N, C-alpha and C. Protein backbone atom coordinates (compact mmCIF):
# COMPACT_ATOMS: atom_id res chain seq x y z
N UNK A 1 193.97 218.01 103.99
CA UNK A 1 194.22 216.67 104.19
C UNK A 1 193.82 215.64 105.28
N UNK A 2 194.59 216.25 106.36
CA UNK A 2 194.30 216.11 107.70
C UNK A 2 192.77 216.16 108.28
N UNK A 3 191.88 217.33 107.53
CA UNK A 3 190.59 217.52 107.71
C UNK A 3 190.05 216.75 106.97
N UNK A 4 190.52 216.64 105.97
CA UNK A 4 189.82 214.80 105.21
C UNK A 4 189.75 213.76 105.73
N UNK A 5 191.00 213.77 106.09
CA UNK A 5 190.47 211.78 106.69
C UNK A 5 189.79 212.24 107.75
N UNK A 6 190.12 213.07 108.69
CA UNK A 6 188.89 213.34 109.88
C UNK A 6 187.64 212.75 109.65
N UNK A 7 187.35 213.44 108.71
CA UNK A 7 185.97 213.75 108.09
C UNK A 7 185.85 212.38 107.74
N UNK A 8 186.56 211.48 106.81
CA UNK A 8 186.30 210.56 106.56
C UNK A 8 186.55 209.27 107.70
N UNK A 9 186.95 209.81 109.21
CA UNK A 9 186.52 208.95 109.64
C UNK A 9 185.34 208.86 110.58
N UNK A 10 185.12 210.14 110.74
CA UNK A 10 183.72 210.56 111.18
C UNK A 10 182.82 209.81 110.54
N UNK A 11 182.63 209.77 109.06
CA UNK A 11 181.67 209.41 108.47
C UNK A 11 181.23 208.06 108.33
N UNK A 12 182.84 207.01 108.90
CA UNK A 12 182.87 205.64 108.88
C UNK A 12 182.18 205.17 110.41
N UNK A 13 182.67 206.05 111.03
CA UNK A 13 181.86 206.02 112.55
C UNK A 13 180.70 206.33 112.56
N UNK A 14 179.98 207.30 111.95
CA UNK A 14 177.97 206.99 112.11
C UNK A 14 177.70 205.85 110.87
N UNK A 15 178.01 205.58 110.23
CA UNK A 15 177.96 204.49 109.07
C UNK A 15 177.96 203.33 109.85
N UNK A 16 178.77 202.82 110.63
CA UNK A 16 178.79 201.91 111.36
C UNK A 16 177.91 202.11 112.45
N UNK A 17 177.70 202.79 113.34
CA UNK A 17 176.50 203.37 114.71
C UNK A 17 175.52 202.96 113.83
N UNK A 18 175.26 203.57 112.35
CA UNK A 18 173.87 203.60 112.00
C UNK A 18 173.58 201.90 111.97
N UNK A 19 174.81 201.54 110.98
CA UNK A 19 174.37 199.90 110.75
C UNK A 19 173.68 198.85 111.73
N UNK A 20 174.64 199.30 113.14
CA UNK A 20 174.49 198.52 114.19
C UNK A 20 172.83 198.66 114.85
N UNK A 21 172.59 200.19 114.83
CA UNK A 21 170.91 200.50 115.20
C UNK A 21 170.46 199.71 114.28
N UNK A 22 170.61 200.01 113.03
CA UNK A 22 169.68 199.22 112.39
C UNK A 22 169.42 198.07 112.12
N UNK A 23 170.20 196.77 112.61
CA UNK A 23 170.19 195.35 112.72
C UNK A 23 169.65 195.10 114.40
N UNK A 24 169.66 196.25 115.11
CA UNK A 24 168.97 196.03 116.33
C UNK A 24 167.50 196.54 116.18
N UNK A 25 166.64 196.90 114.94
CA UNK A 25 165.64 197.63 115.17
C UNK A 25 164.96 196.12 113.74
N UNK A 26 165.65 196.21 112.87
CA UNK A 26 165.13 194.92 112.07
C UNK A 26 166.40 193.95 111.21
N UNK A 27 166.30 192.71 111.38
CA UNK A 27 167.44 191.69 111.12
C UNK A 27 166.83 190.86 110.46
N UNK A 28 167.87 190.50 109.19
CA UNK A 28 167.09 190.31 107.91
C UNK A 28 168.47 188.70 107.82
N UNK A 29 167.99 187.65 107.98
CA UNK A 29 168.87 186.31 107.77
C UNK A 29 167.97 185.43 107.04
N UNK A 30 168.97 184.58 106.68
CA UNK A 30 168.85 183.40 106.13
C UNK A 30 169.74 182.07 105.93
N UNK A 31 169.01 180.98 105.35
CA UNK A 31 170.22 179.64 105.54
C UNK A 31 169.79 178.27 105.08
N UNK A 32 170.10 177.20 104.73
CA UNK A 32 169.57 176.11 104.64
C UNK A 32 169.62 174.96 105.63
N UNK A 33 168.92 174.05 105.53
CA UNK A 33 168.93 172.90 106.06
C UNK A 33 169.59 171.39 105.57
N UNK A 34 170.58 170.94 105.76
CA UNK A 34 171.25 169.69 105.07
C UNK A 34 170.86 168.97 105.96
N UNK A 35 170.87 167.31 105.05
CA UNK A 35 170.55 166.00 105.88
C UNK A 35 171.78 165.11 105.13
N UNK A 36 172.09 163.83 105.91
CA UNK A 36 172.39 163.19 105.22
C UNK A 36 172.51 161.70 105.87
N UNK A 37 172.11 160.94 105.33
CA UNK A 37 172.25 159.28 105.69
C UNK A 37 173.51 158.79 106.37
N UNK A 38 173.92 158.24 107.13
CA UNK A 38 175.32 158.20 107.87
C UNK A 38 175.69 156.84 107.27
N UNK A 39 176.67 156.34 106.42
CA UNK A 39 176.76 154.97 106.30
C UNK A 39 177.27 154.14 107.06
N UNK A 40 176.79 152.81 107.30
CA UNK A 40 177.18 152.08 107.82
C UNK A 40 178.60 151.49 108.38
N UNK A 41 179.52 152.10 107.05
CA UNK A 41 181.03 151.45 107.14
C UNK A 41 182.07 152.56 107.71
N UNK A 42 182.52 152.58 107.91
CA UNK A 42 183.70 153.55 109.09
C UNK A 42 184.17 154.48 107.95
N UNK A 43 183.97 156.09 108.37
CA UNK A 43 184.49 157.21 107.64
C UNK A 43 185.96 157.41 108.09
N UNK A 44 186.92 157.31 107.08
CA UNK A 44 188.08 157.22 107.58
C UNK A 44 188.50 158.71 107.60
N UNK A 45 189.10 159.03 108.22
CA UNK A 45 190.16 160.15 108.35
C UNK A 45 191.46 160.42 109.22
N UNK A 46 191.91 159.28 108.81
CA UNK A 46 193.45 159.02 109.31
C UNK A 46 193.60 159.36 110.77
N UNK A 47 194.01 159.87 111.51
CA UNK A 47 194.55 159.92 112.91
C UNK A 47 193.76 160.89 113.67
N UNK A 48 192.42 161.27 112.83
CA UNK A 48 191.55 162.31 113.33
C UNK A 48 190.16 161.68 114.27
N UNK A 49 190.14 162.71 115.25
CA UNK A 49 188.87 162.21 115.99
C UNK A 49 187.84 163.03 117.48
N UNK A 50 187.07 162.39 117.55
CA UNK A 50 186.35 163.19 118.45
C UNK A 50 186.59 162.74 119.95
N UNK A 51 186.50 164.10 120.61
CA UNK A 51 186.73 163.41 122.14
C UNK A 51 185.68 164.80 123.24
N UNK A 52 184.87 163.92 123.77
CA UNK A 52 184.25 164.36 124.43
C UNK A 52 184.38 165.14 125.59
N UNK A 53 183.44 166.41 125.46
CA UNK A 53 184.03 167.09 127.08
C UNK A 53 183.20 167.61 127.73
N UNK A 54 182.95 166.77 128.87
CA UNK A 54 181.92 166.70 129.69
C UNK A 54 182.46 167.69 130.97
N UNK A 55 183.44 168.02 131.02
CA UNK A 55 183.63 169.42 132.42
C UNK A 55 184.32 170.18 131.79
N UNK A 56 183.62 171.43 131.86
CA UNK A 56 184.07 172.82 131.80
C UNK A 56 185.00 173.28 132.19
N UNK A 57 185.68 172.69 132.99
CA UNK A 57 187.37 172.69 133.13
C UNK A 57 188.26 172.13 131.90
N UNK A 58 187.64 171.60 131.33
CA UNK A 58 188.53 171.54 129.84
C UNK A 58 188.67 172.28 128.58
N UNK A 59 187.80 173.41 128.71
CA UNK A 59 187.36 174.04 127.78
C UNK A 59 188.52 175.21 127.68
N UNK A 60 189.18 175.68 126.72
CA UNK A 60 190.23 176.05 126.12
C UNK A 60 189.89 177.57 126.08
N UNK A 61 190.86 178.60 126.25
CA UNK A 61 190.76 179.79 125.93
C UNK A 61 190.46 180.31 124.56
N UNK A 62 191.11 179.56 124.17
CA UNK A 62 191.49 179.86 122.69
C UNK A 62 190.26 179.39 121.68
N UNK A 63 189.34 178.79 122.92
CA UNK A 63 187.59 177.68 121.78
C UNK A 63 186.61 179.33 122.18
N UNK A 64 186.61 180.41 122.40
CA UNK A 64 185.88 181.22 122.68
C UNK A 64 184.49 180.87 122.78
N UNK A 65 184.48 179.51 123.96
CA UNK A 65 183.44 179.39 124.83
C UNK A 65 182.83 179.82 126.10
N UNK A 66 181.48 180.77 126.42
CA UNK A 66 181.58 181.21 127.49
C UNK A 66 181.04 179.73 128.64
N UNK A 67 181.89 180.19 129.13
CA UNK A 67 181.44 178.60 130.53
C UNK A 67 180.27 178.31 130.47
N UNK A 68 179.38 179.41 131.56
CA UNK A 68 177.94 179.78 131.86
C UNK A 68 177.23 178.97 130.35
N UNK A 69 177.54 179.41 129.43
CA UNK A 69 176.73 178.99 128.35
C UNK A 69 177.03 177.64 127.86
N UNK A 70 178.15 177.40 128.15
CA UNK A 70 178.62 175.49 128.09
C UNK A 70 177.80 174.88 129.00
N UNK A 71 177.93 174.95 130.66
CA UNK A 71 177.40 174.23 131.53
C UNK A 71 175.92 174.44 131.48
N UNK A 72 175.23 175.08 130.56
CA UNK A 72 173.74 175.24 130.32
C UNK A 72 173.30 174.55 129.59
N UNK A 73 174.61 174.10 128.31
CA UNK A 73 173.57 173.34 127.39
C UNK A 73 173.96 171.64 127.71
N UNK A 74 175.01 171.92 128.34
CA UNK A 74 175.30 170.30 128.76
C UNK A 74 174.53 169.72 129.89
N UNK A 75 173.61 170.73 130.71
CA UNK A 75 172.89 170.74 131.71
C UNK A 75 171.63 170.16 131.26
N UNK A 76 170.97 170.64 129.97
CA UNK A 76 169.95 170.15 128.67
C UNK A 76 170.55 168.84 128.15
N UNK A 77 171.41 168.37 128.59
CA UNK A 77 172.07 166.77 127.52
C UNK A 77 172.45 166.95 126.16
N UNK A 78 172.93 168.32 125.68
CA UNK A 78 173.39 168.34 124.21
C UNK A 78 174.98 167.87 124.99
N UNK A 79 175.71 167.36 123.61
CA UNK A 79 176.93 167.05 124.30
C UNK A 79 178.12 167.61 122.66
N UNK A 80 179.02 168.36 123.93
CA UNK A 80 180.31 168.93 123.11
C UNK A 80 181.59 168.45 123.14
N UNK A 81 182.07 167.99 121.51
CA UNK A 81 182.86 167.33 121.09
C UNK A 81 184.09 167.87 121.10
N UNK A 82 185.69 167.85 121.31
CA UNK A 82 186.63 168.42 121.05
C UNK A 82 187.01 167.71 119.34
N UNK A 83 187.50 168.36 118.36
CA UNK A 83 188.13 167.76 117.65
C UNK A 83 189.88 167.63 117.76
N UNK A 84 190.32 166.45 117.39
CA UNK A 84 191.48 166.24 118.21
C UNK A 84 192.20 165.50 116.72
N UNK A 85 193.04 165.77 116.22
CA UNK A 85 194.27 165.19 115.72
C UNK A 85 195.36 165.33 116.09
N UNK A 86 195.66 163.99 115.57
CA UNK A 86 197.46 163.50 116.15
C UNK A 86 197.87 164.56 117.12
N UNK A 87 196.86 164.14 118.39
CA UNK A 87 196.52 164.97 119.57
C UNK A 87 196.83 166.71 120.07
N UNK A 88 196.44 167.11 118.75
CA UNK A 88 196.30 168.56 118.87
C UNK A 88 194.59 168.99 119.04
N UNK A 89 193.96 169.69 119.74
CA UNK A 89 192.55 170.07 119.40
C UNK A 89 192.75 171.25 117.94
N UNK A 90 191.91 170.61 117.68
CA UNK A 90 191.47 171.59 116.19
C UNK A 90 190.25 172.45 116.23
N UNK A 91 189.49 171.98 117.20
CA UNK A 91 188.35 172.91 117.42
C UNK A 91 186.91 172.05 118.26
N UNK A 92 185.69 172.41 117.93
CA UNK A 92 184.36 171.68 118.67
C UNK A 92 183.01 171.65 117.48
N UNK A 93 182.39 170.85 118.44
CA UNK A 93 181.00 171.45 117.45
C UNK A 93 180.13 170.35 118.35
N UNK A 94 179.08 171.11 118.46
CA UNK A 94 177.79 170.60 119.75
C UNK A 94 176.75 169.09 118.97
N UNK A 95 176.91 168.63 119.25
CA UNK A 95 175.70 167.40 118.73
C UNK A 95 174.18 167.05 120.40
N UNK A 96 172.71 166.86 119.13
CA UNK A 96 172.37 167.04 119.85
C UNK A 96 171.44 165.60 119.93
N UNK A 97 171.36 164.60 120.49
CA UNK A 97 170.52 163.39 120.03
C UNK A 97 169.24 163.48 120.20
N UNK A 98 168.34 162.28 119.82
CA UNK A 98 167.00 162.28 119.06
C UNK A 98 166.03 162.74 120.52
N UNK A 99 165.48 163.65 120.55
CA UNK A 99 164.60 163.82 121.42
C UNK A 99 165.17 165.32 122.03
N UNK A 100 166.17 165.82 121.47
CA UNK A 100 166.24 167.01 121.88
C UNK A 100 165.60 168.17 120.96
N UNK A 101 165.28 169.34 121.37
CA UNK A 101 164.49 170.56 121.08
C UNK A 101 165.89 171.73 120.78
N UNK A 102 165.80 171.54 119.31
CA UNK A 102 166.86 172.97 119.19
C UNK A 102 166.31 174.27 118.68
N UNK A 103 166.77 175.95 119.19
CA UNK A 103 166.40 176.26 118.23
C UNK A 103 167.62 176.47 117.06
N UNK A 104 166.93 176.79 116.40
CA UNK A 104 167.58 176.67 115.04
C UNK A 104 167.35 177.73 114.05
N UNK A 105 166.62 178.84 114.27
CA UNK A 105 166.15 179.88 113.82
C UNK A 105 165.18 181.37 113.91
N UNK A 106 165.72 182.07 114.80
CA UNK A 106 164.98 183.13 115.16
C UNK A 106 163.74 182.40 116.26
N UNK A 107 163.82 181.38 116.77
CA UNK A 107 163.17 180.91 117.78
C UNK A 107 162.14 179.35 117.58
N UNK A 108 162.29 178.97 116.21
CA UNK A 108 161.75 177.90 115.53
C UNK A 108 162.74 176.60 115.66
N UNK A 109 162.22 175.76 116.59
CA UNK A 109 162.34 174.65 117.27
C UNK A 109 162.34 173.53 116.20
N UNK A 110 163.28 172.80 116.34
CA UNK A 110 163.98 171.37 115.59
C UNK A 110 163.78 170.18 116.74
N UNK A 111 162.78 169.17 116.43
CA UNK A 111 162.66 168.47 117.29
C UNK A 111 163.76 167.15 116.39
N UNK A 112 164.96 166.38 117.46
CA UNK A 112 165.50 165.62 116.78
C UNK A 112 164.78 164.51 116.25
N UNK A 113 164.83 163.71 115.50
CA UNK A 113 164.22 162.67 115.33
C UNK A 113 164.81 161.37 115.46
N UNK A 114 164.25 159.89 116.19
CA UNK A 114 164.95 159.01 116.19
C UNK A 114 165.96 158.65 115.35
N UNK A 115 166.90 157.89 116.07
CA UNK A 115 168.54 157.70 114.97
C UNK A 115 169.13 158.55 114.30
N UNK A 116 168.57 159.51 114.99
CA UNK A 116 169.55 160.65 114.23
C UNK A 116 169.92 161.76 114.78
N UNK A 117 170.49 162.67 114.58
CA UNK A 117 171.30 163.59 115.42
C UNK A 117 171.47 165.25 114.70
N UNK A 118 171.49 165.98 115.33
CA UNK A 118 171.83 167.44 114.99
C UNK A 118 172.83 167.93 115.41
N UNK A 119 173.81 168.40 114.11
CA UNK A 119 175.02 169.31 114.27
C UNK A 119 174.82 170.45 114.39
N UNK A 120 175.42 171.43 115.20
CA UNK A 120 175.15 172.42 115.55
C UNK A 120 176.86 173.23 116.22
N UNK A 121 176.69 174.55 115.93
CA UNK A 121 177.54 175.99 116.99
C UNK A 121 179.03 175.00 116.27
N UNK A 122 179.54 174.21 115.31
CA UNK A 122 181.07 173.81 115.08
C UNK A 122 182.23 175.03 114.87
N UNK A 123 183.07 174.77 115.22
CA UNK A 123 183.90 175.67 115.23
C UNK A 123 185.29 175.50 115.22
N UNK A 124 185.92 175.86 114.01
CA UNK A 124 187.64 175.41 113.78
C UNK A 124 189.05 176.42 113.73
N UNK A 125 189.82 175.89 115.14
CA UNK A 125 190.78 177.22 114.83
C UNK A 125 191.12 177.50 113.82
N UNK A 126 191.77 178.45 113.48
CA UNK A 126 192.30 179.38 112.48
C UNK A 126 193.26 178.31 111.45
N UNK A 127 194.24 177.82 111.81
CA UNK A 127 195.22 177.47 111.90
C UNK A 127 194.95 175.74 111.05
N UNK A 128 193.80 175.16 111.56
CA UNK A 128 193.52 173.75 111.17
C UNK A 128 192.29 173.74 110.40
N UNK A 129 191.83 175.24 109.39
CA UNK A 129 190.56 174.92 108.77
C UNK A 129 191.26 174.52 107.70
N UNK A 130 190.35 174.06 106.40
CA UNK A 130 190.10 173.86 105.30
C UNK A 130 190.76 172.40 105.45
N UNK A 131 190.95 171.50 106.62
CA UNK A 131 191.09 169.89 106.06
C UNK A 131 190.37 168.79 106.24
N UNK A 132 188.89 168.92 106.09
CA UNK A 132 188.00 168.23 106.13
C UNK A 132 187.80 167.72 107.25
N UNK A 133 187.51 168.18 108.71
CA UNK A 133 187.14 167.74 109.64
C UNK A 133 185.96 167.81 109.77
N UNK A 134 184.39 167.89 108.74
CA UNK A 134 183.49 167.35 109.18
C UNK A 134 183.29 165.73 108.98
N UNK A 135 184.20 165.17 108.19
CA UNK A 135 184.73 163.58 108.48
C UNK A 135 185.42 163.42 109.61
N UNK A 136 185.87 164.00 110.02
CA UNK A 136 186.04 163.07 111.47
C UNK A 136 184.93 163.29 112.48
N UNK A 137 183.81 164.08 112.28
CA UNK A 137 182.83 164.61 112.95
C UNK A 137 182.04 163.27 113.11
N UNK A 138 182.05 163.42 111.58
CA UNK A 138 181.05 161.86 111.32
C UNK A 138 181.50 160.44 111.88
N UNK A 139 182.53 160.51 111.63
CA UNK A 139 183.74 159.19 112.25
C UNK A 139 183.33 158.80 113.71
N UNK A 140 183.25 160.55 114.28
CA UNK A 140 183.40 160.15 115.91
C UNK A 140 181.70 159.77 116.49
N UNK A 141 180.74 160.40 115.16
CA UNK A 141 179.30 160.31 116.06
C UNK A 141 178.99 158.76 115.56
N UNK A 142 179.41 158.63 114.50
CA UNK A 142 179.36 156.64 114.55
C UNK A 142 179.66 155.98 115.60
N UNK A 143 181.08 156.34 116.27
CA UNK A 143 181.91 155.57 117.37
C UNK A 143 180.94 155.51 118.69
N UNK A 144 180.21 156.90 118.64
CA UNK A 144 179.29 157.37 120.05
C UNK A 144 178.36 156.64 120.04
N UNK A 145 177.95 157.00 118.77
CA UNK A 145 176.74 156.81 119.27
C UNK A 145 175.96 155.76 117.63
N UNK A 146 176.25 154.50 117.94
CA UNK A 146 176.24 153.44 117.12
C UNK A 146 174.78 153.29 116.13
N UNK A 147 173.69 153.80 117.03
CA UNK A 147 172.20 153.27 116.34
C UNK A 147 172.04 154.69 115.24
N UNK A 148 172.92 155.37 115.26
CA UNK A 148 172.72 156.54 114.64
C UNK A 148 172.58 156.36 113.56
N UNK A 149 171.41 156.87 112.36
CA UNK A 149 171.21 156.50 110.97
C UNK A 149 171.38 157.36 110.20
N UNK A 150 171.11 158.96 110.04
CA UNK A 150 170.83 160.50 109.79
C UNK A 150 171.50 161.29 110.53
N UNK A 151 172.01 162.44 109.38
CA UNK A 151 172.59 164.02 110.65
C UNK A 151 172.05 165.48 110.02
N UNK A 152 171.64 165.72 110.79
CA UNK A 152 171.41 167.33 110.42
C UNK A 152 172.08 168.39 110.62
N UNK A 153 172.15 169.29 110.05
CA UNK A 153 172.53 170.35 110.38
C UNK A 153 172.15 171.97 109.51
N UNK A 154 172.20 172.83 110.19
CA UNK A 154 171.59 173.89 109.42
C UNK A 154 172.83 175.12 109.26
N UNK A 155 172.90 175.79 108.28
CA UNK A 155 173.99 176.61 107.44
C UNK A 155 173.62 178.28 107.53
N UNK A 156 174.24 178.74 107.89
CA UNK A 156 173.61 180.39 107.63
C UNK A 156 174.23 180.24 105.59
N UNK A 157 173.60 181.51 105.51
CA UNK A 157 173.60 181.53 103.92
C UNK A 157 175.17 182.61 103.49
N UNK A 158 175.32 182.93 104.74
CA UNK A 158 176.48 183.71 104.40
C UNK A 158 177.74 182.96 104.85
N UNK A 159 177.45 181.66 104.83
CA UNK A 159 178.72 180.56 105.45
C UNK A 159 178.74 179.93 104.47
N UNK A 160 179.23 179.83 102.73
CA UNK A 160 179.52 179.09 102.16
C UNK A 160 180.44 178.17 101.92
N UNK A 161 181.50 178.42 102.75
CA UNK A 161 182.63 177.34 102.75
C UNK A 161 182.26 176.65 104.02
N UNK A 162 181.18 176.48 104.69
CA UNK A 162 180.94 175.53 105.45
C UNK A 162 179.75 174.28 104.81
N UNK A 163 179.14 175.54 104.10
CA UNK A 163 178.15 174.36 103.61
C UNK A 163 178.85 173.44 102.47
N UNK A 164 179.68 174.28 101.75
CA UNK A 164 180.56 173.21 100.21
C UNK A 164 181.48 172.34 101.21
N UNK A 165 182.12 172.41 102.30
CA UNK A 165 182.79 170.59 102.89
C UNK A 165 181.70 170.28 103.49
N UNK A 166 179.95 170.93 104.18
CA UNK A 166 179.25 169.77 104.13
C UNK A 166 178.79 168.67 103.16
N UNK A 167 178.43 169.64 102.14
CA UNK A 167 177.83 168.52 100.62
C UNK A 167 179.24 167.79 100.31
N UNK A 168 180.80 168.47 100.85
CA UNK A 168 181.80 167.46 100.13
C UNK A 168 181.41 166.13 100.98
N UNK A 169 181.16 165.68 101.93
CA UNK A 169 181.17 164.49 102.68
C UNK A 169 179.78 163.82 102.55
N UNK A 170 179.04 164.43 101.95
CA UNK A 170 177.56 163.63 101.48
C UNK A 170 176.20 164.22 102.25
N UNK A 171 176.24 165.41 102.83
CA UNK A 171 174.98 166.49 103.16
C UNK A 171 174.45 166.84 102.00
N UNK A 172 173.29 166.75 101.98
CA UNK A 172 172.17 167.47 100.32
C UNK A 172 171.27 168.39 100.95
N UNK A 173 171.31 169.58 100.65
CA UNK A 173 170.09 170.52 101.14
C UNK A 173 168.68 169.99 100.95
N UNK A 174 168.01 170.26 102.33
CA UNK A 174 166.57 169.75 102.34
C UNK A 174 165.49 170.57 102.21
N UNK A 175 165.77 172.17 102.55
CA UNK A 175 165.25 173.51 101.91
C UNK A 175 166.14 174.68 102.34
N UNK A 176 165.60 175.20 102.26
CA UNK A 176 166.20 177.29 102.14
C UNK A 176 165.28 177.73 102.95
N UNK A 177 165.77 178.38 103.84
CA UNK A 177 165.13 179.64 104.70
C UNK A 177 165.92 181.01 104.76
N UNK A 178 164.60 182.01 105.16
CA UNK A 178 164.84 183.06 105.49
C UNK A 178 163.85 183.90 106.89
N UNK A 179 163.91 184.18 106.98
CA UNK A 179 163.50 184.86 108.00
C UNK A 179 163.83 186.87 108.47
N UNK A 180 162.62 187.34 108.73
CA UNK A 180 163.21 188.93 109.30
C UNK A 180 162.52 189.25 111.28
N UNK A 181 163.36 189.75 111.49
CA UNK A 181 163.31 190.08 112.86
C UNK A 181 162.87 191.52 113.13
N UNK A 182 162.00 191.92 113.98
CA UNK A 182 161.79 193.14 114.55
C UNK A 182 162.38 193.10 115.82
N UNK A 183 162.97 194.12 116.39
CA UNK A 183 163.57 194.57 117.76
C UNK A 183 163.59 193.31 118.47
N UNK A 184 164.62 192.38 117.74
CA UNK A 184 164.74 191.05 118.26
C UNK A 184 164.00 190.18 119.36
N UNK A 185 162.18 190.53 118.09
CA UNK A 185 161.28 189.74 119.39
C UNK A 185 160.31 189.23 118.66
N UNK A 186 160.03 189.86 117.65
CA UNK A 186 158.76 189.59 116.63
C UNK A 186 159.76 188.99 115.22
N UNK A 187 159.51 187.55 114.84
CA UNK A 187 160.00 187.30 113.56
C UNK A 187 158.94 186.60 112.87
N UNK A 188 159.62 186.41 111.59
CA UNK A 188 158.38 186.21 110.51
C UNK A 188 159.61 185.18 109.64
N UNK A 189 159.13 183.99 109.41
CA UNK A 189 160.20 183.06 108.85
C UNK A 189 159.23 182.05 108.01
N UNK A 190 160.23 181.97 106.70
CA UNK A 190 159.44 181.22 105.69
C UNK A 190 160.41 180.28 105.36
N UNK A 191 160.25 179.13 104.74
CA UNK A 191 160.92 177.81 103.78
C UNK A 191 160.58 177.32 102.74
N UNK A 192 161.54 177.47 101.97
CA UNK A 192 161.45 177.18 100.07
C UNK A 192 161.61 175.14 99.99
N UNK A 193 160.54 174.76 100.13
CA UNK A 193 161.07 173.36 100.12
C UNK A 193 160.39 172.51 98.51
N UNK A 194 161.37 172.21 97.93
CA UNK A 194 160.83 172.09 96.27
C UNK A 194 160.02 172.89 96.03
N UNK A 195 160.34 174.27 95.99
CA UNK A 195 159.27 174.99 95.24
C UNK A 195 157.63 175.18 95.84
N UNK A 196 157.70 174.57 97.33
CA UNK A 196 156.80 174.50 97.69
C UNK A 196 156.90 175.82 98.72
N UNK A 197 156.42 176.81 99.08
CA UNK A 197 156.31 177.81 100.16
C UNK A 197 155.48 177.17 101.52
N UNK A 198 156.53 177.28 102.28
CA UNK A 198 156.06 177.21 103.70
C UNK A 198 156.25 178.08 104.92
N UNK A 199 155.70 177.89 106.12
CA UNK A 199 156.45 178.29 107.35
C UNK A 199 157.18 177.56 107.87
N UNK A 200 158.56 178.62 108.28
CA UNK A 200 160.04 177.60 108.07
C UNK A 200 159.87 176.46 109.52
N UNK A 201 158.61 176.71 110.51
CA UNK A 201 158.29 175.93 111.75
C UNK A 201 157.57 174.66 111.08
N UNK A 202 156.52 174.70 109.69
CA UNK A 202 156.28 173.66 109.28
C UNK A 202 157.16 172.65 108.53
N UNK A 203 158.41 173.53 107.76
CA UNK A 203 159.61 172.97 107.43
C UNK A 203 160.12 171.30 108.58
N UNK A 204 160.21 172.54 109.78
CA UNK A 204 161.43 171.94 110.48
C UNK A 204 160.44 170.59 111.02
N UNK A 205 158.97 170.57 111.53
CA UNK A 205 158.23 169.47 112.07
C UNK A 205 157.88 168.51 111.27
N UNK A 206 157.68 169.21 109.05
CA UNK A 206 157.86 168.10 108.16
C UNK A 206 158.99 166.51 108.65
N UNK A 207 160.29 167.86 108.94
CA UNK A 207 161.18 166.76 108.32
C UNK A 207 161.41 165.86 109.47
N UNK A 208 161.17 166.27 111.09
CA UNK A 208 161.33 164.81 111.75
C UNK A 208 160.29 164.05 111.33
N UNK A 209 159.25 163.67 110.35
CA UNK A 209 158.87 163.13 110.13
C UNK A 209 159.18 161.89 109.33
N UNK A 210 160.38 161.85 108.63
CA UNK A 210 160.92 161.52 107.59
C UNK A 210 162.01 160.87 108.05
N UNK A 211 162.37 159.50 107.67
CA UNK A 211 163.04 158.61 108.41
C UNK A 211 164.27 158.56 106.72
N UNK A 212 165.34 159.72 107.58
CA UNK A 212 166.23 159.56 106.29
C UNK A 212 167.26 158.16 106.02
N UNK A 213 166.43 157.56 105.10
CA UNK A 213 167.22 155.97 105.08
C UNK A 213 168.08 156.50 103.61
N UNK A 214 167.56 157.24 103.43
CA UNK A 214 169.04 158.14 101.84
C UNK A 214 168.23 159.37 101.56
N UNK A 215 169.74 160.06 101.21
CA UNK A 215 168.99 161.55 101.43
C UNK A 215 167.94 161.72 99.87
N UNK A 216 167.68 160.90 99.19
CA UNK A 216 166.96 161.15 97.95
C UNK A 216 165.51 161.25 98.56
N UNK A 217 165.44 160.28 99.74
CA UNK A 217 164.09 159.99 100.58
C UNK A 217 163.63 161.65 101.00
N UNK A 218 164.55 162.31 101.37
CA UNK A 218 164.07 163.86 101.66
C UNK A 218 163.81 164.45 100.86
N UNK A 219 164.04 164.33 99.77
CA UNK A 219 163.49 165.31 98.45
C UNK A 219 162.22 164.75 98.09
N UNK A 220 161.92 163.39 97.94
CA UNK A 220 161.02 162.39 97.59
C UNK A 220 159.59 162.79 98.41
N UNK A 221 159.78 163.34 99.42
CA UNK A 221 158.54 163.90 100.58
C UNK A 221 158.02 165.42 100.50
N UNK A 222 157.28 165.10 99.24
CA UNK A 222 156.97 166.77 99.41
C UNK A 222 156.08 167.36 100.34
N UNK A 223 155.60 168.52 100.57
CA UNK A 223 154.66 168.81 101.35
C UNK A 223 153.71 168.60 100.92
N UNK A 224 153.10 168.32 99.32
CA UNK A 224 151.87 167.72 98.88
C UNK A 224 151.47 166.63 98.74
N UNK A 225 152.78 165.83 99.12
CA UNK A 225 152.86 164.36 99.56
C UNK A 225 153.28 163.90 100.71
N UNK A 226 152.25 164.14 102.37
CA UNK A 226 152.99 164.12 103.38
C UNK A 226 153.43 162.13 103.45
N UNK A 227 154.58 162.35 104.36
CA UNK A 227 155.36 161.14 104.38
C UNK A 227 154.66 160.47 105.68
């Protein structure tokens, strides 16, 4: 029995090692790009709100953020918000304004269009999850960026919980994308937009040309019918 347990442990270790090595050589991922038109009315979410974090000294260890990474992102003009509810820090999110260039997936970049924001790298502390804090994010964006009319966010295909939460507050899928990367350098990425196959960069570029006055506008703008 002891020998059998040792063999099983060895096999598990070998399997983990093999999987890690395989992921280093070939990495396959996917996700969805979502968008929504931010209503002019206030998004009510009780006592929750956003607090801008412009000093890396404010970062808590529980956030699991590397301070050098945060400092570089702030230097590039991205905004870090702490999500606060009744005075308690619940999580954080990054927001990029119009004109920012964001690496969405395997080096493919999204230029945030005018009157829009791109929300990314969000996290909620475990004990505060499933409380609808995406409404808090939208409310905070409305307060800090009054001219914003639309928001975008990319979600990993293996994160259905976040996608469900985003769709619950009004985000809708623009397109789906997939990619395969070799040796963490060379990548091939495609996107499926309303049954039309594009490269991911083509889809991201087309998205910047669409004034998202309504979510329906996103779906009406097909690759065969440029906006």
